[in-house]
């Protein structure tokens, strides 16, 4: 890849967890789109704190449909300009997905958020980037009626000149301390593919190249069950499990108590009494799950009254702790003035950094091998 760069136009960017994995693995972020002003502000703030470059074509804080309707020619010009030096241009994005979520209202493709998956595909077809990544919840792929919609989207992309491959991927496979499934679809324009891939379509895409574990192996490990809750207790990690996939390892790695967002946590109305009776590691209920320090976390998601409790403190998780479970570098911080609701929403919406890094490296290697 000596003579060409890999440039990314990011859509539905949130606070940029997915983007960060690409930024730190050989790609350049050139354009950023996010609808929610607080998330866009957090995106800019975190990059400034981490001394990362600003996107060449700036930020667009607004609706992707409006942008495509009113500024399509401008976007086409930017993509062509980005290609002038021989670079490949890719689109990455995870359209908001509660309409496909198993825990959501199941409105599917007709929901306001569900429609955005079609908007993203229409954008790819209209602008014709050299490659793209589409990320969404597993419900879009696993649930029968949603799967039909997913297959329709894929068919549209195939007709428009793209070879595609998809995989249901779990963050645990990349070493994240979090049980989080996501459907990932990667596509490349046929004319970009080398002859050897034209013949095999895209079957040789190395999805598992940068994974650390097989999901079945992780699930079979002798993880601890539950222990009586004792505030500020100290325990030792069992030798039979990988310590770097545990909640406590990431708390320590990110120095969460010194982190800028260390004191950002909700105080439940029910108070301490309700928290004190829940065992460490009891995450069996929909709400009031207490994490186990020597286990991985359930999916980092805090909507619909999902309350995740600290393993050995009588409180909810802080934003700093939640960011660590998303495996972000400890230098990644959210603005002080951002509301708690927005902080936890953007954290819960994000892609674990270790997962995004692994996928970015996989795409980079594939495109490099393809030349």
Protein backbone atom coordinates (compact mmCIF):
# COMPACT_ATOMS: atom_id res chain seq x y z
CA UNK A 1 0.00 0.00 0.00
CA UNK A 2 3.07 2.24 -0.40
CA UNK A 3 1.65 4.49 -3.11
CA UNK A 4 -1.92 4.83 -1.99
CA UNK A 5 -3.65 5.85 1.19
CA UNK A 6 -6.88 4.51 2.59
CA UNK A 7 -9.31 7.35 3.29
CA UNK A 8 -12.50 7.07 5.29
CA UNK A 9 -15.80 8.96 5.14
CA UNK A 10 -17.63 8.16 8.38
CA UNK A 11 -21.42 8.20 8.82
CA UNK A 12 -23.58 7.83 11.96
CA UNK A 13 -20.27 8.37 13.75
CA UNK A 14 -21.51 8.87 17.32
CA UNK A 15 -18.50 9.89 19.40
CA UNK A 16 -16.21 7.99 17.06
CA UNK A 17 -15.36 4.64 18.69
CA UNK A 18 -15.49 2.81 15.34
CA UNK A 19 -13.53 5.59 13.64
CA UNK A 20 -10.79 5.50 16.26
CA UNK A 21 -10.02 1.87 15.42
CA UNK A 22 -9.49 2.89 11.80
CA UNK A 23 -7.58 6.10 12.65
CA UNK A 24 -5.00 4.17 14.65
CA UNK A 25 -4.57 1.37 12.09
CA UNK A 26 -3.49 2.99 8.85
CA UNK A 27 -6.62 4.83 7.70
CA UNK A 28 -7.28 8.58 7.48
CA UNK A 29 -10.67 9.94 8.54
CA UNK A 30 -11.58 12.62 5.98
CA UNK A 31 -15.27 13.34 6.67
CA UNK A 32 -17.54 12.82 9.68
CA UNK A 33 -21.35 12.77 9.83
CA UNK A 34 -23.36 12.59 13.05
CA UNK A 35 -26.94 13.73 13.69
CA UNK A 36 -26.84 14.28 17.48
CA UNK A 37 -25.03 17.56 18.36
CA UNK A 38 -23.79 16.29 21.76
CA UNK A 39 -22.19 13.23 20.15
CA UNK A 40 -20.57 15.33 17.42
CA UNK A 41 -19.20 17.67 20.05
CA UNK A 42 -17.79 14.70 21.99
CA UNK A 43 -16.20 13.39 18.79
CA UNK A 44 -14.36 16.69 18.22
CA UNK A 45 -13.46 17.07 21.91
CA UNK A 46 -11.95 13.58 22.24
CA UNK A 47 -9.84 14.01 19.09
CA UNK A 48 -8.52 17.34 20.30
CA UNK A 49 -7.53 15.76 23.62
CA UNK A 50 -5.79 12.89 21.78
CA UNK A 51 -4.06 15.21 19.29
CA UNK A 52 -5.61 13.51 16.26
CA UNK A 53 -5.90 15.33 12.93
CA UNK A 54 -9.14 16.97 11.82
CA UNK A 55 -10.98 15.52 8.82
CA UNK A 56 -9.99 17.08 5.48
CA UNK A 57 -13.61 17.69 4.42
CA UNK A 58 -14.93 18.58 7.86
CA UNK A 59 -17.96 17.60 9.88
CA UNK A 60 -21.65 17.44 8.99
CA UNK A 61 -23.98 17.58 11.97
CA UNK A 62 -27.31 16.59 10.44
CA UNK A 63 -29.57 14.09 8.67
CA UNK A 64 -27.84 11.89 6.09
CA UNK A 65 -30.96 12.02 3.86
CA UNK A 66 -30.94 15.81 3.80
CA UNK A 67 -27.23 15.78 3.02
CA UNK A 68 -27.69 13.36 0.12
CA UNK A 69 -30.63 15.36 -1.25
CA UNK A 70 -29.01 18.80 -0.97
CA UNK A 71 -25.26 18.20 -1.22
CA UNK A 72 -24.79 15.03 -3.24
CA UNK A 73 -22.63 16.78 -5.86
CA UNK A 74 -20.40 18.22 -3.16
CA UNK A 75 -19.90 14.78 -1.62
CA UNK A 76 -19.11 13.30 -5.04
CA UNK A 77 -16.50 16.04 -5.57
CA UNK A 78 -14.88 15.32 -2.20
CA UNK A 79 -14.65 11.59 -2.93
CA UNK A 80 -13.10 12.26 -6.34
CA UNK A 81 -10.70 14.77 -4.80
CA UNK A 82 -9.68 12.20 -2.16
CA UNK A 83 -8.90 9.71 -4.95
CA UNK A 84 -6.67 12.07 -6.93
CA UNK A 85 -3.47 10.83 -5.29
CA UNK A 86 -4.35 7.21 -6.04
CA UNK A 87 -6.02 6.59 -2.68
CA UNK A 88 -8.92 4.25 -2.07
CA UNK A 89 -11.99 5.77 -0.39
CA UNK A 90 -14.16 3.80 2.02
CA UNK A 91 -17.41 4.53 3.86
CA UNK A 92 -17.90 3.18 7.40
CA UNK A 93 -21.01 3.43 9.52
CA UNK A 94 -23.42 1.83 11.93
CA UNK A 95 -26.92 3.25 11.37
CA UNK A 96 -28.88 3.58 14.66
CA UNK A 97 -30.31 0.15 15.33
CA UNK A 98 -32.94 0.00 18.15
CA UNK A 99 -35.65 -0.94 15.61
CA UNK A 100 -33.82 -4.24 14.97
CA UNK A 101 -32.67 -4.86 18.52
CA UNK A 102 -34.07 -7.90 20.32
CA UNK A 103 -34.59 -5.64 23.35
CA UNK A 104 -36.24 -2.88 21.28
CA UNK A 105 -39.76 -2.36 19.90
CA UNK A 106 -39.06 -4.40 16.73
CA UNK A 107 -40.33 -1.76 14.29
CA UNK A 108 -37.70 -2.98 11.85
CA UNK A 109 -37.21 -1.34 8.46
CA UNK A 110 -40.30 0.84 8.94
CA UNK A 111 -39.07 2.44 12.17
CA UNK A 112 -37.45 5.87 12.04
CA UNK A 113 -34.06 4.37 12.88
CA UNK A 114 -34.63 1.26 10.77
CA UNK A 115 -35.05 3.43 7.67
CA UNK A 116 -31.52 4.77 8.17
CA UNK A 117 -29.99 1.42 7.19
CA UNK A 118 -31.62 1.83 3.78
CA UNK A 119 -30.42 5.46 3.70
CA UNK A 120 -26.83 4.32 4.26
CA UNK A 121 -27.06 1.72 1.50
CA UNK A 122 -28.60 4.29 -0.86
CA UNK A 123 -25.72 6.63 -0.04
CA UNK A 124 -23.13 3.93 -0.86
CA UNK A 125 -24.87 3.14 -4.16
CA UNK A 126 -25.14 6.83 -5.10
CA UNK A 127 -21.53 7.80 -4.30
CA UNK A 128 -19.77 4.50 -5.11
CA UNK A 129 -16.91 4.41 -2.57
CA UNK A 130 -14.22 1.79 -3.27
CA UNK A 131 -15.17 -0.18 -0.15
CA UNK A 132 -17.53 0.07 2.81
CA UNK A 133 -18.27 -1.34 6.26
CA UNK A 134 -21.84 -1.67 7.55
CA UNK A 135 -22.28 -2.41 11.26
CA UNK A 136 -25.51 -3.23 13.09
CA UNK A 137 -27.12 -5.28 15.87
CA UNK A 138 -27.41 -9.04 15.48
CA UNK A 139 -31.24 -8.75 15.37
CA UNK A 140 -31.01 -7.40 11.82
CA UNK A 141 -29.34 -10.64 10.75
CA UNK A 142 -30.75 -13.22 13.16
CA UNK A 143 -34.46 -12.26 13.31
CA UNK A 144 -36.33 -13.75 10.33
CA UNK A 145 -38.31 -10.70 9.20
CA UNK A 146 -35.37 -8.35 9.70
CA UNK A 147 -33.06 -10.78 7.88
CA UNK A 148 -35.22 -10.43 4.78
CA UNK A 149 -34.55 -6.68 4.88
CA UNK A 150 -30.82 -7.27 5.40
CA UNK A 151 -30.76 -9.58 2.37
CA UNK A 152 -32.59 -6.92 0.33
CA UNK A 153 -29.93 -4.36 1.24
CA UNK A 154 -27.17 -6.79 0.33
CA UNK A 155 -28.85 -7.57 -3.00
CA UNK A 156 -29.06 -3.85 -3.79
CA UNK A 157 -25.34 -3.50 -3.15
CA UNK A 158 -24.50 -6.54 -5.27
CA UNK A 159 -26.53 -5.16 -8.19
CA UNK A 160 -24.74 -1.81 -7.76
CA UNK A 161 -21.35 -3.43 -8.36
CA UNK A 162 -20.16 -4.58 -4.94
CA UNK A 163 -18.93 -7.94 -3.74
CA UNK A 164 -19.95 -8.39 -0.10
CA UNK A 165 -19.19 -10.63 2.84
CA UNK A 166 -20.74 -10.61 6.29
CA UNK A 167 -20.10 -12.16 9.70
CA UNK A 168 -21.83 -12.17 13.06
CA UNK A 169 -18.93 -11.11 15.27
CA UNK A 170 -18.58 -10.92 19.05
CA UNK A 171 -16.30 -8.42 20.79
CA UNK A 172 -15.01 -11.23 23.01
CA UNK A 173 -13.29 -12.78 20.00
CA UNK A 174 -10.98 -9.75 19.85
CA UNK A 175 -10.23 -9.78 23.58
CA UNK A 176 -12.75 -7.19 24.74
CA UNK A 177 -14.19 -7.79 28.24
CA UNK A 178 -17.73 -7.62 26.91
CA UNK A 179 -20.26 -10.06 25.43
CA UNK A 180 -21.44 -8.01 22.45
CA UNK A 181 -22.65 -9.43 19.13
CA UNK A 182 -22.65 -7.34 15.96
CA UNK A 183 -23.37 -8.12 12.33
CA UNK A 184 -20.64 -6.70 10.10
CA UNK A 185 -20.88 -6.46 6.33
CA UNK A 186 -17.84 -5.52 4.25
CA UNK A 187 -18.07 -4.69 0.56
CA UNK A 188 -15.66 -3.81 -2.26
CA UNK A 189 -16.41 -2.50 -5.76
CA UNK A 190 -15.75 -5.29 -8.28
CA UNK A 191 -13.48 -3.11 -10.39
CA UNK A 192 -11.23 -2.54 -7.36
CA UNK A 193 -10.76 -6.26 -6.74
CA UNK A 194 -7.73 -8.03 -8.17
CA UNK A 195 -8.33 -10.92 -10.60
CA UNK A 196 -7.78 -13.59 -7.96
CA UNK A 197 -10.64 -12.15 -5.91
CA UNK A 198 -12.86 -11.65 -8.94
CA UNK A 199 -12.76 -15.40 -9.49
CA UNK A 200 -13.47 -16.25 -5.85
CA UNK A 201 -15.74 -13.25 -5.33
CA UNK A 202 -14.79 -12.15 -1.80
CA UNK A 203 -14.85 -15.53 -0.09
CA UNK A 204 -11.26 -15.25 1.06
CA UNK A 205 -11.87 -12.19 3.25
CA UNK A 206 -9.93 -13.11 6.43
CA UNK A 207 -12.55 -12.30 9.07
CA UNK A 208 -10.76 -14.25 11.80
CA UNK A 209 -7.21 -13.07 11.06
CA UNK A 210 -6.88 -10.66 13.99
CA UNK A 211 -9.16 -12.45 16.43
CA UNK A 212 -7.62 -13.75 19.64
CA UNK A 213 -10.19 -16.40 20.53
CA UNK A 214 -12.97 -18.57 19.20
CA UNK A 215 -16.24 -17.65 20.90
CA UNK A 216 -16.87 -21.27 21.91
CA UNK A 217 -13.50 -21.37 23.70
CA UNK A 218 -14.30 -18.25 25.70
CA UNK A 219 -17.73 -19.46 26.74
CA UNK A 220 -16.26 -22.76 27.98
CA UNK A 221 -13.65 -21.13 30.21
CA UNK A 222 -14.17 -21.58 33.99
CA UNK A 223 -15.37 -18.04 34.71
CA UNK A 224 -16.43 -17.29 38.31
CA UNK A 225 -20.13 -17.43 39.14
CA UNK A 226 -21.48 -15.15 41.87
CA UNK A 227 -19.96 -14.10 45.19
CA UNK A 228 -21.58 -12.33 48.15
CA UNK A 229 -21.34 -8.57 47.71
CA UNK A 230 -18.83 -6.97 50.08
CA UNK A 231 -18.15 -3.29 49.58
CA UNK A 232 -14.50 -2.48 48.77
CA UNK A 233 -13.50 -6.14 49.09
CA UNK A 234 -10.27 -7.42 47.53
CA UNK A 235 -9.99 -10.73 45.71
CA UNK A 236 -7.47 -12.44 43.42
CA UNK A 237 -8.06 -13.30 39.78
CA UNK A 238 -8.36 -17.08 39.19
CA UNK A 239 -5.32 -18.37 37.30
CA UNK A 240 -7.50 -20.42 34.91
CA UNK A 241 -8.95 -17.44 33.01
CA UNK A 242 -7.36 -14.69 30.87
CA UNK A 243 -7.06 -11.76 33.27
CA UNK A 244 -6.92 -9.20 30.45
CA UNK A 245 -10.52 -10.05 29.52
CA UNK A 246 -11.90 -9.16 32.93
CA UNK A 247 -13.66 -6.03 34.16
CA UNK A 248 -11.09 -5.35 36.86
CA UNK A 249 -8.15 -5.59 34.45
CA UNK A 250 -9.62 -2.82 32.29
CA UNK A 251 -10.54 -0.69 35.30
CA UNK A 252 -6.88 -0.80 36.35
CA UNK A 253 -5.47 -0.45 32.83
CA UNK A 254 -7.48 2.73 32.24
CA UNK A 255 -6.90 4.06 35.79
CA UNK A 256 -10.62 4.73 36.00
CA UNK A 257 -10.48 6.42 39.40
CA UNK A 258 -8.14 9.12 38.00
CA UNK A 259 -10.01 9.48 34.71
CA UNK A 260 -11.74 12.76 33.82
CA UNK A 261 -15.12 10.97 33.77
CA UNK A 262 -14.55 9.07 37.06
CA UNK A 263 -17.37 10.81 38.94
CA UNK A 264 -19.92 10.70 36.13
CA UNK A 265 -22.51 8.20 37.32
CA UNK A 266 -26.24 8.13 38.04
CA UNK A 267 -27.55 7.77 41.58
CA UNK A 268 -30.63 5.50 41.47
CA UNK A 269 -33.73 6.69 43.31
CA UNK A 270 -33.95 3.36 45.12
CA UNK A 271 -30.69 4.21 46.86
CA UNK A 272 -28.10 1.94 48.43
CA UNK A 273 -30.44 -0.60 50.02
CA UNK A 274 -31.49 -2.12 46.69
CA UNK A 275 -27.88 -2.33 45.50
CA UNK A 276 -26.45 -4.00 48.59
CA UNK A 277 -28.51 -7.19 48.27
CA UNK A 278 -27.24 -8.07 44.76
CA UNK A 279 -24.34 -10.53 44.64
CA UNK A 280 -21.18 -9.73 42.73
CA UNK A 281 -21.61 -11.30 39.31
CA UNK A 282 -25.42 -11.55 39.45
CA UNK A 283 -26.37 -10.25 36.02
CA UNK A 284 -29.41 -12.52 35.62
CA UNK A 285 -32.03 -9.76 35.69
CA UNK A 286 -32.74 -7.20 32.98
CA UNK A 287 -31.93 -4.37 35.36
CA UNK A 288 -29.65 -4.05 38.35
CA UNK A 289 -26.92 -6.34 37.04
CA UNK A 290 -23.84 -6.42 39.24
CA UNK A 291 -20.67 -7.08 37.27
CA UNK A 292 -18.09 -9.57 38.51
CA UNK A 293 -14.59 -8.11 38.64
CA UNK A 294 -13.03 -11.34 37.33
CA UNK A 295 -15.43 -11.87 34.45
CA UNK A 296 -16.32 -10.02 31.28
CA UNK A 297 -19.28 -7.66 31.23
CA UNK A 298 -22.68 -8.17 29.62
CA UNK A 299 -23.24 -5.92 26.59
CA UNK A 300 -22.39 -2.33 27.52
CA UNK A 301 -25.85 -0.83 27.03
CA UNK A 302 -27.61 1.39 29.51
CA UNK A 303 -30.97 2.22 27.91
CA UNK A 304 -34.40 0.81 28.83
CA UNK A 305 -33.62 1.07 32.56
CA UNK A 306 -30.62 -1.25 32.32
CA UNK A 307 -28.64 -0.53 35.47
CA UNK A 308 -25.12 -2.00 35.74
CA UNK A 309 -23.59 -1.94 39.22
CA UNK A 310 -19.94 -1.72 40.18
CA UNK A 311 -18.55 -5.09 41.33
CA UNK A 312 -17.41 -3.90 44.77
CA UNK A 313 -18.78 -0.38 45.23
CA UNK A 314 -22.34 0.54 46.17
CA UNK A 315 -23.10 2.54 43.05
CA UNK A 316 -23.68 2.35 39.32
CA UNK A 317 -20.79 2.26 36.89
CA UNK A 318 -19.10 5.56 36.06
CA UNK A 319 -18.65 6.80 32.51
CA UNK A 320 -14.90 6.20 32.93
CA UNK A 321 -15.54 2.55 33.84
CA UNK A 322 -17.99 2.09 30.96
CA UNK A 323 -15.45 3.59 28.53
CA UNK A 324 -12.85 1.13 29.80
CA UNK A 325 -15.22 -1.79 29.10
CA UNK A 326 -15.49 -0.43 25.56
CA UNK A 327 -11.67 -0.85 25.58
CA UNK A 328 -11.01 2.76 24.65
CA UNK A 329 -7.56 4.18 25.40
CA UNK A 330 -7.49 5.89 28.79
CA UNK A 331 -6.71 9.17 26.97
CA UNK A 332 -10.21 9.09 25.45
CA UNK A 333 -12.43 11.42 27.49
CA UNK A 334 -15.93 12.87 27.16
CA UNK A 335 -16.69 16.58 27.70
CA UNK A 336 -17.41 17.61 31.28
CA UNK A 337 -20.53 19.55 30.24
CA UNK A 338 -22.06 16.59 28.37
CA UNK A 339 -25.18 15.29 30.17
CA UNK A 340 -25.00 11.94 31.95
CA UNK A 341 -27.76 10.62 29.69
CA UNK A 342 -25.80 11.54 26.56
CA UNK A 343 -22.56 10.15 27.99
CA UNK A 344 -24.01 6.73 28.68
CA UNK A 345 -26.02 6.69 25.46
CA UNK A 346 -22.98 7.38 23.28
CA UNK A 347 -20.92 4.82 25.21
CA UNK A 348 -23.62 2.17 24.84
CA UNK A 349 -24.05 2.90 21.12
CA UNK A 350 -20.35 2.59 20.36
CA UNK A 351 -18.26 -0.22 18.91
CA UNK A 352 -15.57 -1.57 21.29
CA UNK A 353 -12.25 -0.07 20.26
CA UNK A 354 -10.46 -3.44 20.25
CA UNK A 355 -13.11 -4.82 17.88
CA UNK A 356 -12.94 -1.79 15.55
CA UNK A 357 -9.12 -1.99 15.56
CA UNK A 358 -9.19 -5.67 14.66
CA UNK A 359 -11.67 -5.12 11.82
CA UNK A 360 -9.66 -2.13 10.54
CA UNK A 361 -6.46 -4.20 10.44
CA UNK A 362 -8.30 -7.01 8.66
CA UNK A 363 -9.65 -4.65 5.99
CA UNK A 364 -6.23 -3.00 5.62
CA UNK A 365 -4.51 -6.36 5.14
CA UNK A 366 -7.15 -7.50 2.64
CA UNK A 367 -6.86 -4.34 0.54
CA UNK A 368 -3.06 -4.49 0.67
CA UNK A 369 -3.06 -8.13 -0.41
CA UNK A 370 -5.56 -7.26 -3.12
CA UNK A 371 -3.08 -4.92 -4.84
